[in-house]
Structures are given as C-alpha cells and as structure tokens.
C-alpha atoms as a PDB file:
ATOM      1  CA  UNK A   1      -0.208   0.268  -0.241  1.00  0.00           C
ATOM      2  CA  UNK A   2       1.455   3.051  -0.643  1.00  0.00           C
ATOM      3  CA  UNK A   3       0.004   6.916   0.313  1.00  0.00           C
ATOM      4  CA  UNK A   4       0.871  10.028  -0.970  1.00  0.00           C
ATOM      5  CA  UNK A   5       0.188  12.617   1.806  1.00  0.00           C
ATOM      6  CA  UNK A   6       0.202  16.154   1.105  1.00  0.00           C
ATOM      7  CA  UNK A   7      -0.542  18.465   3.481  1.00  0.00           C
ATOM      8  CA  UNK A   8      -3.021  21.571   1.523  1.00  0.00           C
ATOM      9  CA  UNK A   9      -4.551  24.546   2.705  1.00  0.00           C
ATOM     10  CA  UNK A  10      -7.248  23.506   0.679  1.00  0.00           C
ATOM     11  CA  UNK A  11      -8.060  20.259  -1.621  1.00  0.00           C
ATOM     12  CA  UNK A  12     -10.966  19.005  -4.120  1.00  0.00           C
ATOM     13  CA  UNK A  13     -12.001  16.805  -6.481  1.00  0.00           C
ATOM     14  CA  UNK A  14     -14.480  17.197  -9.094  1.00  0.00           C
ATOM     15  CA  UNK A  15     -15.401  15.072 -12.029  1.00  0.00           C
ATOM     16  CA  UNK A  16     -17.919  16.059 -14.770  1.00  0.00           C
ATOM     17  CA  UNK A  17     -17.579  20.044 -13.629  1.00  0.00           C
ATOM     18  CA  UNK A  18     -18.927  18.789 -10.475  1.00  0.00           C
ATOM     19  CA  UNK A  19     -17.144  18.995  -6.994  1.00  0.00           C
ATOM     20  CA  UNK A  20     -17.815  15.927  -5.394  1.00  0.00           C
ATOM     21  CA  UNK A  21     -15.005  15.757  -2.203  1.00  0.00           C
ATOM     22  CA  UNK A  22     -13.838  18.854  -0.580  1.00  0.00           C
ATOM     23  CA  UNK A  23     -11.379  19.945   2.185  1.00  0.00           C
ATOM     24  CA  UNK A  24      -9.793  22.901   4.031  1.00  0.00           C
ATOM     25  CA  UNK A  25      -6.909  22.898   6.054  1.00  0.00           C
ATOM     26  CA  UNK A  26      -5.302  19.199   6.086  1.00  0.00           C
ATOM     27  CA  UNK A  27      -3.592  16.305   3.914  1.00  0.00           C
ATOM     28  CA  UNK A  28      -4.825  15.013   0.560  1.00  0.00           C
ATOM     29  CA  UNK A  29      -4.520  11.512   0.354  1.00  0.00           C
ATOM     30  CA  UNK A  30      -3.141   9.547  -2.729  1.00  0.00           C
ATOM     31  CA  UNK A  31      -3.555   5.815  -2.492  1.00  0.00           C
ATOM     32  CA  UNK A  32      -2.847   2.785  -4.480  1.00  0.00           C
ATOM     33  CA  UNK A  33      -2.904  -0.576  -3.577  1.00  0.00           C
ATOM     34  CA  UNK A  34      -0.665  -3.715  -4.677  1.00  0.00           C
ATOM     35  CA  UNK A  35      -1.327  -7.168  -4.552  1.00  0.00           C
ATOM     36  CA  UNK A  36      -0.398  -9.022  -1.423  1.00  0.00           C
ATOM     37  CA  UNK A  37      -1.914  -6.022   0.564  1.00  0.00           C
ATOM     38  CA  UNK A  38      -5.040  -6.454   3.422  1.00  0.00           C
ATOM     39  CA  UNK A  39      -6.384  -4.910   6.563  1.00  0.00           C
ATOM     40  CA  UNK A  40      -2.982  -5.094   8.601  1.00  0.00           C
ATOM     41  CA  UNK A  41      -1.563  -2.634   5.620  1.00  0.00           C
ATOM     42  CA  UNK A  42      -4.969  -0.399   5.885  1.00  0.00           C
ATOM     43  CA  UNK A  43      -4.710  -0.453   9.242  1.00  0.00           C
ATOM     44  CA  UNK A  44      -1.200   0.580  10.034  1.00  0.00           C
ATOM     45  CA  UNK A  45      -1.406   3.162   7.017  1.00  0.00           C
ATOM     46  CA  UNK A  46      -4.115   4.330   9.029  1.00  0.00           C
ATOM     47  CA  UNK A  47      -2.603   5.072  12.507  1.00  0.00           C
ATOM     48  CA  UNK A  48       0.257   6.620  10.949  1.00  0.00           C
ATOM     49  CA  UNK A  49      -1.525   9.134   8.835  1.00  0.00           C
ATOM     50  CA  UNK A  50      -3.629   9.588  12.430  1.00  0.00           C
ATOM     51  CA  UNK A  51      -0.405  10.355  14.363  1.00  0.00           C
ATOM     52  CA  UNK A  52       1.273  12.328  11.467  1.00  0.00           C
ATOM     53  CA  UNK A  53       2.886  15.497  13.005  1.00  0.00           C
ATOM     54  CA  UNK A  54       2.773  17.818   9.605  1.00  0.00           C
ATOM     55  CA  UNK A  55       1.747  21.275  10.622  1.00  0.00           C
ATOM     56  CA  UNK A  56       4.153  23.219  12.809  1.00  0.00           C
ATOM     57  CA  UNK A  57       3.533  24.593  16.064  1.00  0.00           C
ATOM     58  CA  UNK A  58       4.161  28.526  17.708  1.00  0.00           C
ATOM     59  CA  UNK A  59       7.730  27.659  17.306  1.00  0.00           C
ATOM     60  CA  UNK A  60       7.821  26.752  13.480  1.00  0.00           C
ATOM     61  CA  UNK A  61       8.394  23.293  14.119  1.00  0.00           C
ATOM     62  CA  UNK A  62       6.494  20.309  12.599  1.00  0.00           C
ATOM     63  CA  UNK A  63       4.997  19.176  16.362  1.00  0.00           C
ATOM     64  CA  UNK A  64       1.219  19.356  15.554  1.00  0.00           C
ATOM     65  CA  UNK A  65      -0.967  16.734  13.885  1.00  0.00           C
ATOM     66  CA  UNK A  66      -4.907  16.967  12.507  1.00  0.00           C
ATOM     67  CA  UNK A  67      -6.462  16.810  15.299  1.00  0.00           C
ATOM     68  CA  UNK A  68      -4.303  19.678  17.129  1.00  0.00           C
ATOM     69  CA  UNK A  69      -5.494  21.760  14.098  1.00  0.00           C
ATOM     70  CA  UNK A  70      -9.405  20.168  13.163  1.00  0.00           C
ATOM     71  CA  UNK A  71      -7.727  19.517  10.055  1.00  0.00           C
ATOM     72  CA  UNK A  72      -9.548  17.101   7.217  1.00  0.00           C
ATOM     73  CA  UNK A  73      -9.072  14.598   4.559  1.00  0.00           C
ATOM     74  CA  UNK A  74      -9.407  14.098   1.259  1.00  0.00           C
ATOM     75  CA  UNK A  75      -9.027  10.282  -0.105  1.00  0.00           C
ATOM     76  CA  UNK A  76      -8.359   9.993  -3.784  1.00  0.00           C
ATOM     77  CA  UNK A  77      -7.366   6.432  -5.146  1.00  0.00           C
ATOM     78  CA  UNK A  78      -4.695   6.694  -7.252  1.00  0.00           C
ATOM     79  CA  UNK A  79      -3.618   2.975  -8.965  1.00  0.00           C
ATOM     80  CA  UNK A  80      -0.734   4.405 -11.032  1.00  0.00           C
ATOM     81  CA  UNK A  81       1.646   4.783  -7.998  1.00  0.00           C
ATOM     82  CA  UNK A  82       2.239   1.311  -8.368  1.00  0.00           C
ATOM     83  CA  UNK A  83       3.062   2.335 -12.269  1.00  0.00           C
ATOM     84  CA  UNK A  84       6.406   1.329 -13.341  1.00  0.00           C
ATOM     85  CA  UNK A  85       8.506   3.192 -16.697  1.00  0.00           C
ATOM     86  CA  UNK A  86      11.806   1.120 -15.726  1.00  0.00           C
ATOM     87  CA  UNK A  87      11.212  -0.440 -19.522  1.00  0.00           C
ATOM     88  CA  UNK A  88      10.235   1.704 -22.664  1.00  0.00           C
ATOM     89  CA  UNK A  89       8.550   4.894 -21.810  1.00  0.00           C
ATOM     90  CA  UNK A  90       4.664   3.720 -21.404  1.00  0.00           C
ATOM     91  CA  UNK A  91       4.354   2.502 -17.861  1.00  0.00           C
ATOM     92  CA  UNK A  92       3.665  -0.635 -16.855  1.00  0.00           C
ATOM     93  CA  UNK A  93       0.273  -1.254 -13.951  1.00  0.00           C
ATOM     94  CA  UNK A  94       0.357  -4.726 -13.276  1.00  0.00           C
ATOM     95  CA  UNK A  95       1.893  -3.989  -9.961  1.00  0.00           C
ATOM     96  CA  UNK A  96      -1.437  -2.005  -9.049  1.00  0.00           C
ATOM     97  CA  UNK A  97      -4.027  -4.534  -7.266  1.00  0.00           C
ATOM     98  CA  UNK A  98      -7.385  -5.055  -9.545  1.00  0.00           C
ATOM     99  CA  UNK A  99     -10.729  -2.979  -9.135  1.00  0.00           C
ATOM    100  CA  UNK A 100     -11.585  -6.020  -7.153  1.00  0.00           C
ATOM    101  CA  UNK A 101      -9.388  -6.137  -4.648  1.00  0.00           C
ATOM    102  CA  UNK A 102      -8.329  -2.544  -4.519  1.00  0.00           C
ATOM    103  CA  UNK A 103     -11.900  -0.585  -3.998  1.00  0.00           C
ATOM    104  CA  UNK A 104     -12.911  -3.282  -0.628  1.00  0.00           C
ATOM    105  CA  UNK A 105      -9.229  -1.928   0.268  1.00  0.00           C
ATOM    106  CA  UNK A 106     -10.043   1.734  -0.257  1.00  0.00           C
ATOM    107  CA  UNK A 107     -13.395   1.817   1.445  1.00  0.00           C
ATOM    108  CA  UNK A 108     -11.785  -0.315   4.585  1.00  0.00           C
ATOM    109  CA  UNK A 109      -9.040   2.296   4.820  1.00  0.00           C
ATOM    110  CA  UNK A 110     -11.740   5.174   4.204  1.00  0.00           C
ATOM    111  CA  UNK A 111     -13.762   3.804   7.384  1.00  0.00           C
ATOM    112  CA  UNK A 112     -10.755   3.495   9.229  1.00  0.00           C
ATOM    113  CA  UNK A 113      -9.979   7.044   9.693  1.00  0.00           C
ATOM    114  CA  UNK A 114     -13.592   8.040  10.016  1.00  0.00           C
ATOM    115  CA  UNK A 115     -13.220   5.833  12.500  1.00  0.00           C
ATOM    116  CA  UNK A 116     -10.528   7.272  14.217  1.00  0.00           C
ATOM    117  CA  UNK A 117     -12.264  10.700  13.829  1.00  0.00           C
ATOM    118  CA  UNK A 118     -11.306  12.904  11.072  1.00  0.00           C
ATOM    119  CA  UNK A 119     -14.032  14.058   8.808  1.00  0.00           C
ATOM    120  CA  UNK A 120     -12.705  12.133   5.185  1.00  0.00           C
ATOM    121  CA  UNK A 121     -13.890  13.213   2.006  1.00  0.00           C
ATOM    122  CA  UNK A 122     -13.654  11.157  -1.059  1.00  0.00           C
ATOM    123  CA  UNK A 123     -12.917  10.672  -4.756  1.00  0.00           C
ATOM    124  CA  UNK A 124     -15.199   8.209  -6.951  1.00  0.00           C
ATOM    125  CA  UNK A 125     -12.653   5.045  -7.305  1.00  0.00           C
ATOM    126  CA  UNK A 126     -11.943   4.245 -11.025  1.00  0.00           C
ATOM    127  CA  UNK A 127     -13.538   7.678 -12.253  1.00  0.00           C
ATOM    128  CA  UNK A 128     -12.010  10.353 -14.303  1.00  0.00           C
ATOM    129  CA  UNK A 129     -11.249  12.942 -11.936  1.00  0.00           C
ATOM    130  CA  UNK A 130      -9.835  16.367 -11.281  1.00  0.00           C
ATOM    131  CA  UNK A 131      -7.661  16.728  -8.245  1.00  0.00           C
ATOM    132  CA  UNK A 132      -6.673  20.894  -7.382  1.00  0.00           C
ATOM    133  CA  UNK A 133      -4.389  20.533  -4.317  1.00  0.00           C
ATOM    134  CA  UNK A 134      -3.314  23.356  -2.537  1.00  0.00           C
ATOM    135  CA  UNK A 135      -0.016  21.604  -1.091  1.00  0.00           C
ATOM    136  CA  UNK A 136       1.047  23.656   1.811  1.00  0.00           C
ATOM    137  CA  UNK A 137       5.197  24.135   2.129  1.00  0.00           C
ATOM    138  CA  UNK A 138       5.365  22.011   0.400  1.00  0.00           C
ATOM    139  CA  UNK A 139       4.859  19.090   2.219  1.00  0.00           C
ATOM    140  CA  UNK A 140       4.475  15.613   0.673  1.00  0.00           C
ATOM    141  CA  UNK A 141       6.058  12.190   2.037  1.00  0.00           C
ATOM    142  CA  UNK A 142       5.718   8.910   0.172  1.00  0.00           C
ATOM    143  CA  UNK A 143       4.408   6.481   2.966  1.00  0.00           C
ATOM    144  CA  UNK A 144       4.546   2.893   2.015  1.00  0.00           C
ATOM    145  CA  UNK A 145       3.192  -0.474   3.705  1.00  0.00           C
ATOM    146  CA  UNK A 146       3.848  -3.581   2.349  1.00  0.00           C
ATOM    147  CA  UNK A 147       3.090  -7.501   3.225  1.00  0.00           C
ATOM    148  CA  UNK A 148       6.194  -8.560   4.300  1.00  0.00           C
ATOM    149  CA  UNK A 149       6.189  -6.461   7.021  1.00  0.00           C
ATOM    150  CA  UNK A 150       8.995  -4.019   5.537  1.00  0.00           C
ATOM    151  CA  UNK A 151       8.446  -0.197   5.782  1.00  0.00           C
ATOM    152  CA  UNK A 152       9.095   2.777   3.298  1.00  0.00           C
ATOM    153  CA  UNK A 153       9.115   6.195   4.290  1.00  0.00           C
ATOM    154  CA  UNK A 154       8.182   6.290   8.118  1.00  0.00           C
ATOM    155  CA  UNK A 155       8.309   4.050  11.428  1.00  0.00           C
END
C-alpha cells in the first residue's frame, strides 16, 4: 500500500464539472494498492496518517497532528502509484491491485480514518477526476507498507 500525503490548505475532487469532495486545511491522500495488500496494511496506514505531525507549532516546528489543527482528509484512489516505467516509455500497471481487490481496501481505509474521528472527503474510485491540491509548504511524504513487513517512508 502506498500513500502520498500532501499537507494542504485546501483540496478538492471534481468529476464532470461537479465537486464531489473538498476539504480545507488537512491532508490530501493519494492512495494505491498492490497485490498482497490487506487489512494489516490498511490499519497500519490509517494509524500512521492519524498520528503524523506535519503542521507547525508556535515555534515553526512540525509538531502538530490533524486533531491539533482541526484538519480533514481528502482520500483519492490512484492506481498509478504502482506504475513501473523502468522499461520503455509507457508505464506498466501490473503491480496495481485489480479493482475487485482495491475497492474494498480503499473503502476500508476511508472507514478506518473516519473511525479515528476525522472528517473524510473522497474521490470516486475509477472515475476520471480533476484533483485540485493547494500543497501547503510544500510538504509531501511517501508512505508505504508492504505485506512482508518492510516499511518505506516512516516507522
């Protein structure tokens, strides 16, 4: 499971000219799943996101988490996070989980974040979305939790 976390002052998702999800201050999460991902990766990632301290305190240090700033989340599915462009010029997406696997994991991730008390807006899985991100800082992290226990990005 891969998540690109962007600290935002605002973010939204538009489909066919209609805004379907929008937040003000918080994190925009671009989320992708691969083969072998399951509940352990989803729960770990939800807990990791919930505790990230990416907002500045009074001294300008990143010490504040989402609850400290009344932040929200915009969660957008993005299978292209598992694109592989090592060979040729057209990326391969064979490492991305198929929709029948990824959709339930995406829904479980959104639910896990809501269970932790966060306001969560979403995109629409598989739709052609226009995502507007006002990256604050800019602050961007790549988090990854793989099935074999290896973690990339944050522990």
